[in-house]
Protein backbone atom coordinates (compact mmCIF):
# COMPACT_ATOMS: atom_id res chain seq x y z
CA MET A 1 0.02 0.07 0.03
CA ALA A 2 1.25 3.37 -0.90
CA LEU A 3 2.50 5.56 2.03
CA VAL A 4 0.91 8.69 0.86
CA ASN A 5 -2.77 8.14 1.12
CA THR A 6 -5.79 9.71 2.89
CA GLU A 7 -5.63 7.29 5.86
CA ASN A 8 -2.05 7.91 6.66
CA ILE A 9 -2.25 11.64 6.13
CA LEU A 10 -5.27 11.75 8.45
CA SER A 11 -3.42 9.80 11.10
CA ILE A 12 -0.49 12.06 10.92
CA LEU A 13 -2.62 15.29 11.10
CA THR A 14 -4.57 13.95 13.99
CA ASN A 15 -1.25 13.54 15.90
CA TYR A 16 -0.06 16.90 15.06
CA ASN A 17 -3.42 18.54 16.11
CA PRO A 18 -4.24 17.17 19.57
CA TRP A 19 -6.68 20.25 20.03
CA TRP A 20 -9.00 18.53 17.61
CA GLN A 21 -9.62 15.91 20.49
CA ASN A 22 -9.68 17.98 23.63
CA GLY A 23 -9.61 21.64 22.53
CA LEU A 24 -6.24 22.40 24.13
CA VAL A 25 -2.58 22.88 23.07
CA PRO A 26 -0.61 20.62 25.43
CA LYS A 27 1.12 22.84 28.06
CA SER A 28 4.58 21.43 27.24
CA PHE A 29 4.01 22.71 23.50
CA HIS A 30 3.53 26.39 24.39
CA LYS A 31 5.75 28.07 26.83
CA ASP A 32 4.72 30.97 29.17
CA PHE A 33 7.62 33.16 27.91
CA LYS A 34 6.84 35.06 24.74
CA ARG A 35 9.53 36.19 22.28
CA CYS A 36 9.57 39.45 20.22
CA GLY A 37 8.55 37.36 17.28
CA TYR A 38 5.44 36.16 18.94
CA TYR A 39 4.11 39.59 19.16
CA THR A 40 5.19 40.59 15.63
CA CYS A 41 3.67 37.50 14.19
CA HIS A 42 0.45 37.77 16.25
CA LYS A 43 -0.14 41.38 14.97
CA ALA A 44 0.57 40.37 11.32
CA LEU A 45 -1.69 37.44 11.52
CA ASN A 46 -4.53 39.48 12.82
CA SER A 47 -3.96 42.60 10.67
CA ASP A 48 -6.81 43.99 8.62
CA LEU A 49 -4.44 43.44 5.69
CA ARG A 50 -4.69 39.65 5.17
CA ARG A 51 -1.05 38.31 4.47
CA ILE A 52 0.46 34.83 4.71
CA VAL A 53 2.96 35.22 7.61
CA VAL A 54 6.37 33.54 7.07
CA MET A 55 8.68 33.16 10.00
CA SER A 56 12.38 32.49 9.02
CA GLY A 57 15.34 31.69 11.32
CA ALA A 58 17.76 29.00 12.45
CA ARG A 59 16.49 25.60 13.89
CA ARG A 60 15.69 25.67 17.64
CA THR A 61 15.11 29.39 17.86
CA GLY A 62 11.32 29.00 18.99
CA LYS A 63 9.46 29.30 15.61
CA THR A 64 7.34 26.35 16.24
CA THR A 65 6.64 27.48 19.93
CA ILE A 66 5.41 30.75 18.72
CA ILE A 67 2.95 28.88 16.33
CA TYR A 68 1.69 26.80 19.43
CA GLN A 69 1.37 29.99 21.41
CA ILE A 70 -0.81 31.64 18.75
CA ILE A 71 -3.01 28.42 18.33
CA SER A 72 -3.52 28.40 22.06
CA ASP A 73 -4.57 32.13 21.74
CA LEU A 74 -7.20 31.31 18.96
CA LEU A 75 -8.56 28.59 21.02
CA THR A 76 -9.10 30.76 23.89
CA GLN A 77 -10.68 33.30 21.55
CA GLY A 78 -13.30 30.66 20.74
CA ILE A 79 -12.02 29.56 17.34
CA LYS A 80 -13.36 25.99 16.71
CA PRO A 81 -10.48 23.54 17.28
CA GLN A 82 -11.05 21.75 13.97
CA ASN A 83 -10.63 25.15 12.15
CA ILE A 84 -6.86 25.19 13.08
CA LEU A 85 -4.53 22.95 11.02
CA PHE A 86 -0.91 22.36 11.86
CA PHE A 87 1.59 20.11 10.08
CA THR A 88 5.36 20.05 9.37
CA PHE A 89 7.44 19.08 6.38
CA ASP A 90 9.93 17.52 8.68
CA HIS A 91 7.55 14.44 8.33
CA PRO A 92 8.51 12.26 5.27
CA VAL A 93 4.91 11.47 4.41
CA ILE A 94 3.83 15.16 4.60
CA ARG A 95 6.74 16.06 2.55
CA ALA A 96 5.86 13.53 -0.15
CA ALA A 97 2.13 14.54 -0.27
CA GLY A 98 2.85 18.37 -0.43
CA ILE A 99 0.61 21.26 0.72
CA ASP A 100 -2.03 20.75 -1.96
CA GLN A 101 -2.85 17.05 -0.95
CA VAL A 102 -2.69 17.68 2.73
CA LEU A 103 -5.09 20.63 2.49
CA SER A 104 -7.43 18.59 0.29
CA VAL A 105 -7.47 15.80 2.96
CA TYR A 106 -8.16 18.29 5.70
CA LYS A 107 -10.85 20.07 3.74
CA ASN A 108 -12.54 16.85 2.79
CA ASN A 109 -12.42 15.04 6.11
CA ILE A 110 -11.97 17.57 9.07
CA CYS A 111 -13.21 21.06 8.23
CA ASN A 112 -14.71 22.67 5.13
CA ASP A 113 -15.47 25.97 6.62
CA ASP A 114 -14.52 29.19 4.74
CA GLU A 115 -12.64 30.57 7.78
CA PHE A 116 -9.70 28.43 9.03
CA TYR A 117 -6.31 28.91 10.19
CA LEU A 118 -3.28 27.16 8.55
CA PHE A 119 0.07 26.63 10.18
CA VAL A 120 2.97 25.07 8.31
CA ASP A 121 6.37 24.26 9.80
CA GLU A 122 9.68 23.87 7.84
CA ILE A 123 8.08 24.81 4.65
CA GLN A 124 11.30 25.07 2.60
CA PHE A 125 11.25 21.28 2.12
CA ASP A 126 8.29 21.63 -0.26
CA LYS A 127 9.97 23.00 -3.34
CA ASN A 128 6.51 24.23 -4.68
CA TRP A 129 5.31 25.61 -1.36
CA THR A 130 4.84 29.30 -2.55
CA HIS A 131 2.71 28.12 -5.60
CA TYR A 132 0.41 26.04 -3.42
CA LEU A 133 0.21 28.52 -0.60
CA LYS A 134 -0.69 31.30 -3.03
CA MET A 135 -3.24 29.10 -4.64
CA ALA A 136 -4.76 28.39 -1.12
CA TYR A 137 -4.57 32.14 -0.32
CA ASP A 138 -6.51 33.03 -3.56
CA MET A 139 -9.01 30.19 -3.25
CA ASN A 140 -9.74 30.73 0.47
CA PRO A 141 -10.38 34.46 1.08
CA GLU A 142 -11.14 33.77 4.73
CA MET A 143 -8.07 31.73 5.34
CA ARG A 144 -5.27 32.95 7.64
CA ALA A 145 -1.89 31.34 7.29
CA VAL A 146 1.59 31.14 9.13
CA ALA A 147 4.48 29.26 7.76
CA THR A 148 8.06 28.70 9.16
CA GLY A 149 11.38 28.09 7.45
CA SER A 150 14.92 27.38 8.64
CA ALA A 151 16.53 28.39 5.40
CA SER A 152 15.93 32.18 4.91
CA ALA A 153 16.96 32.58 1.41
CA ALA A 154 14.92 29.52 0.25
CA VAL A 155 11.99 31.06 2.05
CA GLU A 156 12.47 34.72 0.97
CA ASP A 157 13.49 33.99 -2.61
CA GLY A 158 10.30 31.97 -3.02
CA VAL A 159 8.23 34.84 -1.74
CA ARG A 160 9.91 37.40 -4.05
CA GLU A 161 9.39 35.15 -7.08
CA SER A 162 5.69 34.56 -6.28
CA GLY A 163 4.94 38.18 -6.32
CA ALA A 164 4.38 40.86 -3.63
CA GLY A 165 1.09 41.50 -1.74
CA ARG A 166 0.63 38.11 -0.17
CA TRP A 167 3.39 37.81 2.26
CA THR A 168 4.88 39.17 5.50
CA ILE A 169 8.22 37.88 6.43
CA ILE A 170 9.40 38.01 9.99
CA HIS A 171 12.99 36.95 10.89
CA ILE A 172 13.20 34.96 14.31
CA PRO A 173 16.90 35.17 15.41
CA THR A 174 18.19 33.57 18.64
CA LEU A 175 17.38 35.17 21.95
CA SER A 176 18.68 38.74 22.78
CA PHE A 177 20.46 39.13 26.04
CA TYR A 178 17.22 40.74 27.49
CA GLU A 179 15.07 37.70 26.47
CA TYR A 180 17.65 35.39 27.87
CA CYS A 181 17.42 37.20 31.23
CA GLU A 182 13.73 37.09 31.14
CA ILE A 183 13.77 33.18 30.85
CA LYS A 184 16.36 33.11 33.54
CA GLY A 185 13.95 35.12 35.79
CA VAL A 186 16.35 38.08 35.94
CA SER A 187 14.10 41.06 36.18
CA LYS A 188 15.28 44.66 36.17
CA PHE A 189 12.90 47.56 36.28
CA PHE A 190 15.57 50.00 35.04
CA ASP A 191 14.59 51.24 31.66
CA CYS A 192 15.57 53.53 28.62
CA GLU A 193 13.16 53.92 25.86
CA ASP A 194 16.06 54.36 23.34
CA VAL A 195 19.43 53.15 24.31
CA PHE A 196 21.09 55.42 21.67
CA LYS A 197 19.57 58.35 23.54
CA ILE A 198 20.88 57.40 26.87
CA HIS A 199 23.47 60.20 26.75
CA THR A 200 20.76 62.75 26.82
CA LEU A 201 19.85 61.77 30.30
CA PRO A 202 21.27 63.64 33.25
CA ILE A 203 24.53 62.11 34.43
CA GLN A 204 22.91 61.06 37.76
CA GLU A 205 20.18 59.12 35.87
CA GLN A 206 22.72 57.59 33.58
CA THR A 207 24.73 56.40 36.80
CA ARG A 208 21.64 55.00 38.49
CA LEU A 209 20.58 53.25 35.31
CA ILE A 210 23.98 51.63 34.66
CA MET A 211 24.84 50.80 38.27
CA GLY A 212 21.46 49.23 38.66
CA LEU A 213 22.15 46.85 35.86
CA ALA A 214 25.81 46.09 37.04
CA ASP A 215 25.00 42.63 38.37
CA LEU A 216 24.06 41.60 34.80
CA GLN A 217 27.60 41.22 33.97
CA VAL A 218 27.88 37.61 35.33
CA HIS A 219 24.74 36.67 33.40
CA LEU A 220 26.21 38.12 30.22
CA MET A 221 29.10 35.88 30.47
CA HIS A 222 27.04 32.85 30.76
CA TYR A 223 24.93 34.08 27.76
CA LEU A 224 27.99 34.43 25.79
CA GLN A 225 28.72 30.75 26.51
CA ILE A 226 25.32 29.12 26.35
CA GLY A 227 23.90 31.50 23.68
CA GLY A 228 20.46 32.31 22.73
CA PHE A 229 18.78 28.96 21.97
CA PRO A 230 15.64 29.07 24.16
CA GLU A 231 15.75 25.43 25.42
CA LEU A 232 19.46 25.69 26.61
CA VAL A 233 19.16 28.87 28.61
CA LYS A 234 18.92 27.29 32.00
CA ALA A 235 21.52 24.66 31.21
CA GLU A 236 24.46 24.75 33.74
CA ASP A 237 26.52 22.13 31.89
CA THR A 238 28.22 24.14 29.17
CA VAL A 239 29.86 21.14 27.54
CA TYR A 240 26.62 19.30 27.32
CA ALA A 241 24.70 22.42 25.83
CA GLN A 242 27.55 22.78 23.34
CA SER A 243 27.19 19.15 22.32
CA LEU A 244 23.44 19.66 21.72
CA ILE A 245 24.18 22.74 19.58
CA ARG A 246 26.46 20.69 17.45
CA GLU A 247 24.16 17.88 17.08
CA ASP A 248 20.85 19.59 16.77
CA VAL A 249 21.51 22.92 15.10
CA MET A 250 24.68 22.52 13.22
CA ASP A 251 24.70 18.84 12.04
CA ARG A 252 21.16 18.95 10.96
CA ALA A 253 21.56 22.11 9.05
CA ILE A 254 24.79 21.25 7.34
CA LYS A 255 24.27 17.53 6.91
CA GLN A 256 20.65 17.33 6.23
CA ASP A 257 18.74 20.56 5.53
CA LEU A 258 21.21 22.42 3.29
CA PRO A 259 22.02 19.22 1.16
CA ASN A 260 18.43 18.55 0.68
CA ILE A 261 17.54 22.03 -0.24
CA HIS A 262 20.47 22.83 -2.60
CA GLU A 263 21.58 19.30 -3.61
CA ILE A 264 25.00 19.43 -2.16
CA ARG A 265 27.03 16.42 -2.88
CA ASN A 266 30.25 17.07 -1.07
CA ILE A 267 29.05 17.66 2.55
CA ASP A 268 32.59 17.56 3.95
CA GLU A 269 33.63 20.58 1.93
CA LEU A 270 30.65 22.51 3.31
CA GLU A 271 31.56 21.45 6.91
CA LYS A 272 35.21 22.54 6.49
CA VAL A 273 34.21 25.96 5.29
CA PHE A 274 31.91 26.31 8.24
CA VAL A 275 34.62 25.37 10.71
CA TYR A 276 36.91 27.79 9.00
CA LEU A 277 34.43 30.59 9.56
CA CYS A 278 33.99 29.62 13.14
CA TYR A 279 37.68 29.97 13.80
CA ASN A 280 37.66 33.33 11.89
CA SER A 281 34.45 34.88 13.17
CA SER A 282 34.51 38.66 13.21
CA SER A 283 37.16 38.74 10.63
CA ILE A 284 37.25 40.07 7.01
CA ILE A 285 36.97 37.06 4.93
CA ASN A 286 39.88 36.27 2.45
CA ILE A 287 38.44 33.76 -0.08
CA ASP A 288 41.92 33.00 -1.58
CA ALA A 289 43.13 31.98 1.87
CA MET A 290 40.00 29.88 2.31
CA CYS A 291 40.60 28.15 -0.92
CA LYS A 292 44.05 27.11 0.20
CA GLU A 293 42.79 25.90 3.59
CA SER A 294 40.15 23.93 1.99
CA ASN A 295 42.44 21.89 -0.30
CA GLY A 296 41.70 23.61 -3.48
CA VAL A 297 37.99 24.11 -3.34
CA SER A 298 37.10 26.75 -5.95
CA LYS A 299 36.29 30.34 -5.09
CA PRO A 300 32.82 30.07 -6.66
CA THR A 301 32.07 27.08 -4.58
CA ILE A 302 33.25 28.65 -1.37
CA GLN A 303 31.22 31.79 -2.16
CA LYS A 304 28.17 29.68 -2.64
CA TYR A 305 28.71 27.74 0.63
CA ILE A 306 29.00 31.05 2.48
CA GLN A 307 25.74 32.15 1.12
CA TYR A 308 24.08 28.70 2.02
CA LEU A 309 25.40 29.03 5.60
CA ALA A 310 23.86 32.56 5.81
CA ASP A 311 20.66 31.06 4.30
CA ALA A 312 20.65 28.56 7.10
CA ASN A 313 21.16 31.42 9.73
CA LEU A 314 24.47 29.83 10.99
CA ILE A 315 26.35 32.96 10.02
CA ASN A 316 25.87 36.66 9.61
CA ILE A 317 27.36 38.53 6.76
CA SER A 318 28.60 42.10 7.65
CA GLU A 319 28.92 44.03 4.39
CA GLN A 320 31.51 46.75 3.90
CA LEU A 321 29.43 49.87 3.68
CA ASN A 322 30.12 52.87 1.27
CA ILE A 323 31.76 55.97 2.76
CA GLN A 324 30.99 58.85 0.47
CA GLY A 325 34.02 60.58 -0.88
CA LYS A 326 36.58 58.06 0.63
CA ASN A 327 38.63 55.55 -1.28
CA ILE A 328 38.00 51.81 -0.61
CA LEU A 329 40.44 49.57 -2.28
CA LYS A 330 38.19 46.57 -2.62
CA LYS A 331 34.93 45.60 -0.82
CA ARG A 332 35.08 42.63 1.37
CA ASN A 333 32.62 41.02 3.75
CA LYS A 334 33.06 40.25 7.51
CA ILE A 335 31.60 37.02 8.71
CA TYR A 336 30.20 36.51 12.09
CA ILE A 337 28.83 33.33 13.55
CA SER A 338 25.08 33.98 14.21
CA ASP A 339 25.32 33.29 17.80
CA ASN A 340 28.41 33.11 19.81
CA CYS A 341 27.67 29.67 21.48
CA ILE A 342 27.97 28.08 17.96
CA ARG A 343 31.56 29.29 17.72
CA GLY A 344 32.24 27.98 21.28
CA ALA A 345 30.76 24.65 20.35
CA VAL A 346 33.30 24.35 17.37
CA VAL A 347 36.53 26.17 18.36
CA LEU A 348 38.48 24.19 21.01
CA GLY A 349 39.86 26.37 23.82
CA ALA A 350 37.52 29.39 23.01
CA ASP A 351 37.39 30.38 26.76
CA ILE A 352 36.01 33.87 27.19
CA TYR A 353 36.93 33.84 30.94
CA THR A 354 40.62 33.28 30.50
CA LYS A 355 41.37 34.73 26.92
CA SER A 356 40.76 38.39 26.44
CA THR A 357 40.81 38.07 22.76
CA GLU A 358 38.16 35.32 23.04
CA LEU A 359 35.93 37.71 24.90
CA GLY A 360 36.59 40.29 22.34
CA TYR A 361 35.43 38.08 19.53
CA ALA A 362 32.34 37.03 21.57
CA ILE A 363 31.39 40.67 22.39
CA GLU A 364 31.69 41.89 18.74
CA THR A 365 29.77 38.99 17.48
CA THR A 366 27.03 39.58 19.99
CA VAL A 367 26.89 43.38 19.48
CA PHE A 368 26.55 42.90 15.75
CA LYS A 369 23.82 40.38 16.14
CA HIS A 370 21.84 42.66 18.65
CA VAL A 371 22.21 45.84 16.47
CA LYS A 372 21.23 44.04 13.33
CA ASP A 373 18.18 42.38 14.86
CA TYR A 374 17.15 45.76 16.50
CA PHE A 375 17.34 48.01 13.39
CA LEU A 376 16.10 45.47 10.70
CA ALA A 377 13.17 44.76 12.99
CA ILE A 378 12.19 48.53 12.71
CA ASN A 379 12.79 48.98 8.94
CA LYS A 380 14.38 46.34 6.54
CA LEU A 381 15.99 49.04 4.46
CA TYR A 382 18.57 49.79 7.13
CA GLN A 383 22.09 48.66 6.23
CA VAL A 384 23.99 47.14 8.99
CA GLY A 385 27.66 46.37 8.27
CA TYR A 386 31.09 47.80 9.00
CA ILE A 387 33.40 50.51 7.62
CA ARG A 388 36.97 50.08 6.63
CA ASP A 389 39.00 52.68 4.44
CA ALA A 390 42.15 52.19 2.38
CA ASN A 391 44.23 53.26 5.38
CA GLY A 392 42.77 50.50 7.63
CA ALA A 393 40.58 52.82 9.66
CA GLU A 394 37.66 50.67 10.80
CA VAL A 395 34.36 50.87 12.49
CA ASP A 396 33.09 47.51 13.89
CA VAL A 397 29.43 48.18 13.41
CA ALA A 398 27.82 50.80 11.22
CA VAL A 399 24.16 51.50 10.50
CA GLN A 400 23.18 53.48 7.51
CA TYR A 401 20.10 54.34 5.64
CA ALA A 402 20.09 55.17 1.93
CA GLY A 403 23.96 55.67 2.30
CA GLN A 404 23.58 58.10 5.14
CA PRO A 405 25.21 57.30 8.51
CA ILE A 406 22.68 56.52 11.38
CA GLN A 407 24.88 54.98 14.14
CA TYR A 408 28.60 53.85 14.63
CA ILE A 409 29.52 51.32 17.33
CA GLU A 410 32.87 50.04 18.40
CA ALA A 411 33.43 47.08 20.76
CA LYS A 412 36.32 47.64 23.14
CA MET A 413 36.18 44.81 25.77
CA ARG A 414 39.33 45.51 27.56
CA ASN A 415 39.93 47.21 31.04
CA ASN A 416 40.04 50.94 30.58
CA SER A 417 40.54 50.55 26.78
CA SER A 418 41.40 53.72 25.00
CA ILE A 419 40.21 55.32 21.74
CA LYS A 420 42.95 56.85 19.47
CA ASP A 421 42.77 59.60 17.07
CA ASP A 422 43.29 57.26 14.09
CA ASP A 423 40.36 54.87 15.08
CA GLY A 424 37.59 54.73 12.65
CA ILE A 425 34.98 55.70 15.03
CA VAL A 426 36.86 58.96 15.56
CA ILE A 427 37.69 59.56 11.97
CA TYR A 428 34.22 58.95 10.80
CA GLY A 429 32.31 59.91 13.97
CA LEU A 430 29.56 62.61 14.01
CA SER A 431 29.25 65.56 16.11
CA ASN A 432 25.37 65.29 16.53
CA THR A 433 25.23 61.53 16.94
CA PRO A 434 27.55 59.99 19.41
CA GLY A 435 29.38 56.84 18.25
CA TYR A 436 28.87 54.11 20.90
CA VAL A 437 31.91 52.54 22.51
CA ILE A 438 31.10 49.23 24.10
CA SER A 439 33.31 48.86 27.16
CA LYS A 440 33.75 46.16 29.98
CA ASN A 441 33.44 47.77 33.36
CA ALA A 442 30.36 49.21 35.01
CA THR A 443 32.08 52.29 35.86
CA ASP A 444 33.37 52.91 32.37
CA PHE A 445 30.59 55.02 30.87
CA GLY A 446 29.84 58.53 29.82
CA LEU A 447 30.03 61.12 27.02
CA THR A 448 33.39 62.32 25.56
CA GLU A 449 34.69 64.34 22.48
CA ARG A 450 37.60 63.47 20.30
CA ASN A 451 38.75 65.46 17.43
CA GLY A 452 35.25 66.90 16.78
CA SER A 453 33.62 63.46 17.13
CA THR A 454 31.19 62.84 20.00
CA LEU A 455 31.59 59.42 21.66
CA TYR A 456 29.60 57.53 24.44
CA ARG A 457 31.19 54.83 26.36
CA ILE A 458 28.54 52.13 27.66
CA PRO A 459 29.24 48.78 29.30
CA ALA A 460 28.40 45.75 27.18
CA PHE A 461 25.86 44.35 29.68
CA ALA A 462 23.87 47.57 29.81
CA PHE A 463 23.99 48.13 26.02
CA LEU A 464 22.91 44.72 25.17
CA TYR A 465 20.24 44.27 27.75
CA LEU A 466 18.59 47.86 27.09
CA LEU A 467 18.71 47.42 23.33
CA GLY A 468 17.02 43.94 23.66
CA LYS A 469 14.48 45.35 26.15
CA SER A 470 13.73 48.35 23.67
CA GLN A 471 13.12 45.87 20.74
CA LYS A 472 10.66 43.87 22.68
CA ASN A 473 8.83 46.91 24.02
CA LYS A 474 8.48 47.99 20.36
CA ALA A 475 7.30 44.64 19.28
CA ILE A 476 4.59 44.58 22.21
CA LYS A 477 3.15 48.06 21.25
């Protein structure tokens, strides 16, 4: 008997949708803690402008949990349980059947109402998903839909090709430091609506705010080790947590997801490229050097692999931004591992407690992630990258809009680290918008001026916590 038939599909759907039986989402499925992405997705799903909501992000970042939380909300609002359908393309039978056949079985056997809610997990494994979701959208004007995908480009390219007007894409990154603290039960009432305006507060208020957050330093160090994968936040065994990251996040993405999506034949080459990037995270990438390290893998292949790893949300690409009127020899990208814990799971001896260089890499990686997540959640037209001129003057993180500078940020995680006249944040600094210098110690904060450029020093624990808190407050509003 064929595996893909109505009986098998119904059996699988019944297991995936336990609320059809008792009207409830199992408590273990939906956590009490709600991420920024939950609020953003909830608003998009219930908007007057009907759109198919697509959440993209790495495995284990909580996309499925957000779906279950929204389903629980719908049931609480009185939506009939049978009018809510969930399934995942992680299941081989569902993958073989495709959206069209699964929807047909559901409509013919469970619910044929005009109004229903469709939730599809790991949608990138159906190569025709945009076609069938678009058909469902057009043929069911009362349907609301949410889909998730672990390969951003596979999801977002499909959306672009299918035409605008039907889709809302929401990126679900790993936890911010603020969200990490929330899960840990670390609550701080100190607040700042916009961390980039903290310098405008009276100095007494700045002191009260930063000193009130000072005990977050120990939590930041643990966050840099454990990382932002929700289920690992409360793990105390770092070695065990890192093994889970290697097995459940990296291995599945590199050895299963990417080969299936892109038909990669030489998985070992892809893995070697990834390991190389882990060892060189926060560095400007030299493709020629990578070719030599990878035993002659061609430049086009390595460039393709780098893009695949970015698609799988395992790395972040920081583009070299234009500086108007300045000479740049050749544009090259920086690469950051998407969450510092991934680097720690790969690089042996990457101890942030005993090695100041490792702490520097970890903080720069984490600052870039937070700044990118914050600004792109506001407006996807922001450019978040770095600046480096022909003389080597560099700014770690730069935010621009339409080529105009918005914010410059430099990570200086050393005791009493100094800023020099030839540092990029001084050369390209602005007089009316302070460049932010991320410092280490709680007492190392305040507004300064250097060669006409205004700078604001702020400890990493305060900057990351307040930036994440501001992002979540914006998502809730």
